Each structure stands twice: as C-alpha cells, then as structure tokens.
C-alpha cells in the first residue's frame, strides 16, 4: 500500500471511531433557592443525571407531572435523578405548586 493510501485509510478509520464513540453522560445541576428552580428549563440527553441542590431555607420536592420521579429535598441537601427516556418532563414542588420547571430529554 502506498504512503498516501495508508494515510487515507488511517484518517477514515479515525473518523469512524470518532463517530462510533459513545457520548459520556453529564451531570446537570438544578438549584433551588428563594422558592425557584434555577435554571427553570434545561435540555439534557438520555443517560444524563440531574443533580437537585436545595439551597433554600425549607424543604422542597422535584416532582415529575408524569409521575416518573418524585425527589424529596430537605433544606441544604441534594439528590440525583437519572434521565432514562427521551421527552419533555414538566415538574413542580409538591409543597409549593407555583415552583415549576421543565426538562427536555433528547436521545443521544
């Protein structure tokens, strides 16, 4: 095989490997402070994890309207939820229903 041809084959193999490599999951933080979720809306991928951080002075929940999850968060505590299915998920705090947010989960 000529030198030019072998470079072309190696470059092609590297390109295939780059596209075939799995996307690594991320952790996205949603903070609760002053009776608000921040950010109120996030876009994530299947496999990502949401880290809920309650920086408020009282307990809250992060409750999916579709009943996919219900996370209880004491003041000053955190918890995580894995995103396992694509779609839009509206959520709220059961204790404070005016606290709302949305997670858009995309396929990887």
C-alpha atoms as a PDB file:
ATOM      1  CA  UNK A   1       0.000   0.000   0.000  1.00  0.00           C
ATOM      2  CA  UNK A   2       1.339   3.444  -0.877  1.00  0.00           C
ATOM      3  CA  UNK A   3       2.027   6.061   1.775  1.00  0.00           C
ATOM      4  CA  UNK A   4      -0.829   8.303   0.527  1.00  0.00           C
ATOM      5  CA  UNK A   5      -3.299   5.434   0.546  1.00  0.00           C
ATOM      6  CA  UNK A   6      -2.331   4.317   4.065  1.00  0.00           C
ATOM      7  CA  UNK A   7      -2.833   7.877   5.387  1.00  0.00           C
ATOM      8  CA  UNK A   8      -6.269   7.954   3.779  1.00  0.00           C
ATOM      9  CA  UNK A   9      -7.219   4.611   5.348  1.00  0.00           C
ATOM     10  CA  UNK A  10      -5.980   5.707   8.793  1.00  0.00           C
ATOM     11  CA  UNK A  11      -7.833   9.012   8.566  1.00  0.00           C
ATOM     12  CA  UNK A  12     -11.018   7.187   7.562  1.00  0.00           C
ATOM     13  CA  UNK A  13     -10.674   4.729  10.456  1.00  0.00           C
ATOM     14  CA  UNK A  14     -10.145   7.577  12.918  1.00  0.00           C
ATOM     15  CA  UNK A  15     -13.271   9.318  11.617  1.00  0.00           C
ATOM     16  CA  UNK A  16     -15.370   6.160  12.042  1.00  0.00           C
ATOM     17  CA  UNK A  17     -14.079   5.685  15.600  1.00  0.00           C
ATOM     18  CA  UNK A  18     -14.843   9.310  16.465  1.00  0.00           C
ATOM     19  CA  UNK A  19     -18.470   8.915  15.391  1.00  0.00           C
ATOM     20  CA  UNK A  20     -18.840   5.460  16.959  1.00  0.00           C
ATOM     21  CA  UNK A  21     -17.513   6.509  20.375  1.00  0.00           C
ATOM     22  CA  UNK A  22     -20.268   6.684  22.969  1.00  0.00           C
ATOM     23  CA  UNK A  23     -21.248  10.062  24.329  1.00  0.00           C
ATOM     24  CA  UNK A  24     -20.399  10.291  28.005  1.00  0.00           C
ATOM     25  CA  UNK A  25     -23.217  11.163  30.377  1.00  0.00           C
ATOM     26  CA  UNK A  26     -23.218  14.520  32.111  1.00  0.00           C
ATOM     27  CA  UNK A  27     -24.490  15.784  35.437  1.00  0.00           C
ATOM     28  CA  UNK A  28     -26.601  18.920  35.198  1.00  0.00           C
ATOM     29  CA  UNK A  29     -27.284  20.880  38.366  1.00  0.00           C
ATOM     30  CA  UNK A  30     -30.635  22.475  39.136  1.00  0.00           C
ATOM     31  CA  UNK A  31     -30.508  24.681  42.207  1.00  0.00           C
ATOM     32  CA  UNK A  32     -33.473  25.516  44.400  1.00  0.00           C
ATOM     33  CA  UNK A  33     -33.216  28.933  46.013  1.00  0.00           C
ATOM     34  CA  UNK A  34     -35.733  31.610  47.011  1.00  0.00           C
ATOM     35  CA  UNK A  35     -38.649  29.322  46.063  1.00  0.00           C
ATOM     36  CA  UNK A  36     -37.421  28.860  42.449  1.00  0.00           C
ATOM     37  CA  UNK A  37     -35.762  26.167  40.364  1.00  0.00           C
ATOM     38  CA  UNK A  38     -32.726  27.535  38.551  1.00  0.00           C
ATOM     39  CA  UNK A  39     -32.491  27.135  35.679  1.00  0.00           C
ATOM     40  CA  UNK A  40     -36.220  26.610  35.186  1.00  0.00           C
ATOM     41  CA  UNK A  41     -35.667  24.749  31.909  1.00  0.00           C
ATOM     42  CA  UNK A  42     -32.789  22.527  30.825  1.00  0.00           C
ATOM     43  CA  UNK A  43     -32.111  20.332  27.818  1.00  0.00           C
ATOM     44  CA  UNK A  44     -30.264  17.087  28.549  1.00  0.00           C
ATOM     45  CA  UNK A  45     -29.667  13.693  26.931  1.00  0.00           C
ATOM     46  CA  UNK A  46     -30.837  10.205  27.816  1.00  0.00           C
ATOM     47  CA  UNK A  47     -28.318   8.915  30.351  1.00  0.00           C
ATOM     48  CA  UNK A  48     -27.583  12.314  31.886  1.00  0.00           C
ATOM     49  CA  UNK A  49     -28.184  12.915  35.583  1.00  0.00           C
ATOM     50  CA  UNK A  50     -29.925  15.857  37.194  1.00  0.00           C
ATOM     51  CA  UNK A  51     -28.413  16.927  40.497  1.00  0.00           C
ATOM     52  CA  UNK A  52     -31.014  18.750  42.584  1.00  0.00           C
ATOM     53  CA  UNK A  53     -29.466  21.118  45.154  1.00  0.00           C
ATOM     54  CA  UNK A  54     -31.735  22.671  47.768  1.00  0.00           C
ATOM     55  CA  UNK A  55     -30.049  25.904  48.832  1.00  0.00           C
ATOM     56  CA  UNK A  56     -33.309  27.213  50.263  1.00  0.00           C
ATOM     57  CA  UNK A  57     -34.289  27.588  53.921  1.00  0.00           C
ATOM     58  CA  UNK A  58     -37.121  24.999  53.711  1.00  0.00           C
ATOM     59  CA  UNK A  59     -37.760  21.547  52.236  1.00  0.00           C
ATOM     60  CA  UNK A  60     -38.890  21.112  48.624  1.00  0.00           C
ATOM     61  CA  UNK A  61     -39.644  18.363  46.147  1.00  0.00           C
ATOM     62  CA  UNK A  62     -38.878  17.967  42.465  1.00  0.00           C
ATOM     63  CA  UNK A  63     -41.916  16.026  41.268  1.00  0.00           C
ATOM     64  CA  UNK A  64     -42.450  14.980  37.652  1.00  0.00           C
ATOM     65  CA  UNK A  65     -46.009  15.646  36.469  1.00  0.00           C
ATOM     66  CA  UNK A  66     -45.869  12.354  34.533  1.00  0.00           C
ATOM     67  CA  UNK A  67     -45.022  10.568  37.827  1.00  0.00           C
ATOM     68  CA  UNK A  68     -41.615   9.415  36.519  1.00  0.00           C
ATOM     69  CA  UNK A  69     -39.906  10.591  39.735  1.00  0.00           C
ATOM     70  CA  UNK A  70     -40.522  12.410  42.986  1.00  0.00           C
ATOM     71  CA  UNK A  71     -37.424  13.694  44.770  1.00  0.00           C
ATOM     72  CA  UNK A  72     -37.648  14.933  48.374  1.00  0.00           C
ATOM     73  CA  UNK A  73     -35.059  17.567  49.289  1.00  0.00           C
ATOM     74  CA  UNK A  74     -34.572  18.662  52.881  1.00  0.00           C
ATOM     75  CA  UNK A  75     -33.095  22.145  53.312  1.00  0.00           C
ATOM     76  CA  UNK A  76     -29.408  22.178  52.458  1.00  0.00           C
ATOM     77  CA  UNK A  77     -29.472  18.692  50.875  1.00  0.00           C
ATOM     78  CA  UNK A  78     -29.058  17.359  47.348  1.00  0.00           C
ATOM     79  CA  UNK A  79     -30.190  14.315  45.376  1.00  0.00           C
ATOM     80  CA  UNK A  80     -29.900  12.975  41.844  1.00  0.00           C
ATOM     81  CA  UNK A  81     -32.246  11.647  39.182  1.00  0.00           C
ATOM     82  CA  UNK A  82     -31.122   9.799  36.034  1.00  0.00           C
ATOM     83  CA  UNK A  83     -32.846  10.673  32.765  1.00  0.00           C
ATOM     84  CA  UNK A  84     -33.721   7.363  31.125  1.00  0.00           C
ATOM     85  CA  UNK A  85     -36.229   8.240  28.406  1.00  0.00           C
ATOM     86  CA  UNK A  86     -36.486  10.968  25.766  1.00  0.00           C
ATOM     87  CA  UNK A  87     -39.268  13.512  26.029  1.00  0.00           C
ATOM     88  CA  UNK A  88     -40.315  16.688  27.807  1.00  0.00           C
ATOM     89  CA  UNK A  89     -40.926  16.455  31.550  1.00  0.00           C
ATOM     90  CA  UNK A  90     -42.727  19.199  33.413  1.00  0.00           C
ATOM     91  CA  UNK A  91     -42.051  19.191  37.145  1.00  0.00           C
ATOM     92  CA  UNK A  92     -43.025  21.130  40.258  1.00  0.00           C
ATOM     93  CA  UNK A  93     -42.652  21.255  44.043  1.00  0.00           C
ATOM     94  CA  UNK A  94     -45.499  19.442  45.826  1.00  0.00           C
ATOM     95  CA  UNK A  95     -45.173  21.832  48.786  1.00  0.00           C
ATOM     96  CA  UNK A  96     -45.089  24.967  46.621  1.00  0.00           C
ATOM     97  CA  UNK A  97     -47.016  24.247  43.355  1.00  0.00           C
ATOM     98  CA  UNK A  98     -46.076  27.643  41.895  1.00  0.00           C
ATOM     99  CA  UNK A  99     -42.468  26.382  41.700  1.00  0.00           C
ATOM    100  CA  UNK A 100     -42.252  24.805  38.243  1.00  0.00           C
ATOM    101  CA  UNK A 101     -39.669  23.712  35.718  1.00  0.00           C
ATOM    102  CA  UNK A 102     -39.140  21.675  32.576  1.00  0.00           C
ATOM    103  CA  UNK A 103     -36.531  19.140  31.480  1.00  0.00           C
ATOM    104  CA  UNK A 104     -36.248  18.311  27.785  1.00  0.00           C
ATOM    105  CA  UNK A 105     -34.562  14.926  27.388  1.00  0.00           C
ATOM    106  CA  UNK A 106     -33.118  14.222  23.933  1.00  0.00           C
ATOM    107  CA  UNK A 107     -31.895  10.929  22.526  1.00  0.00           C
ATOM    108  CA  UNK A 108     -28.117  10.676  22.489  1.00  0.00           C
END
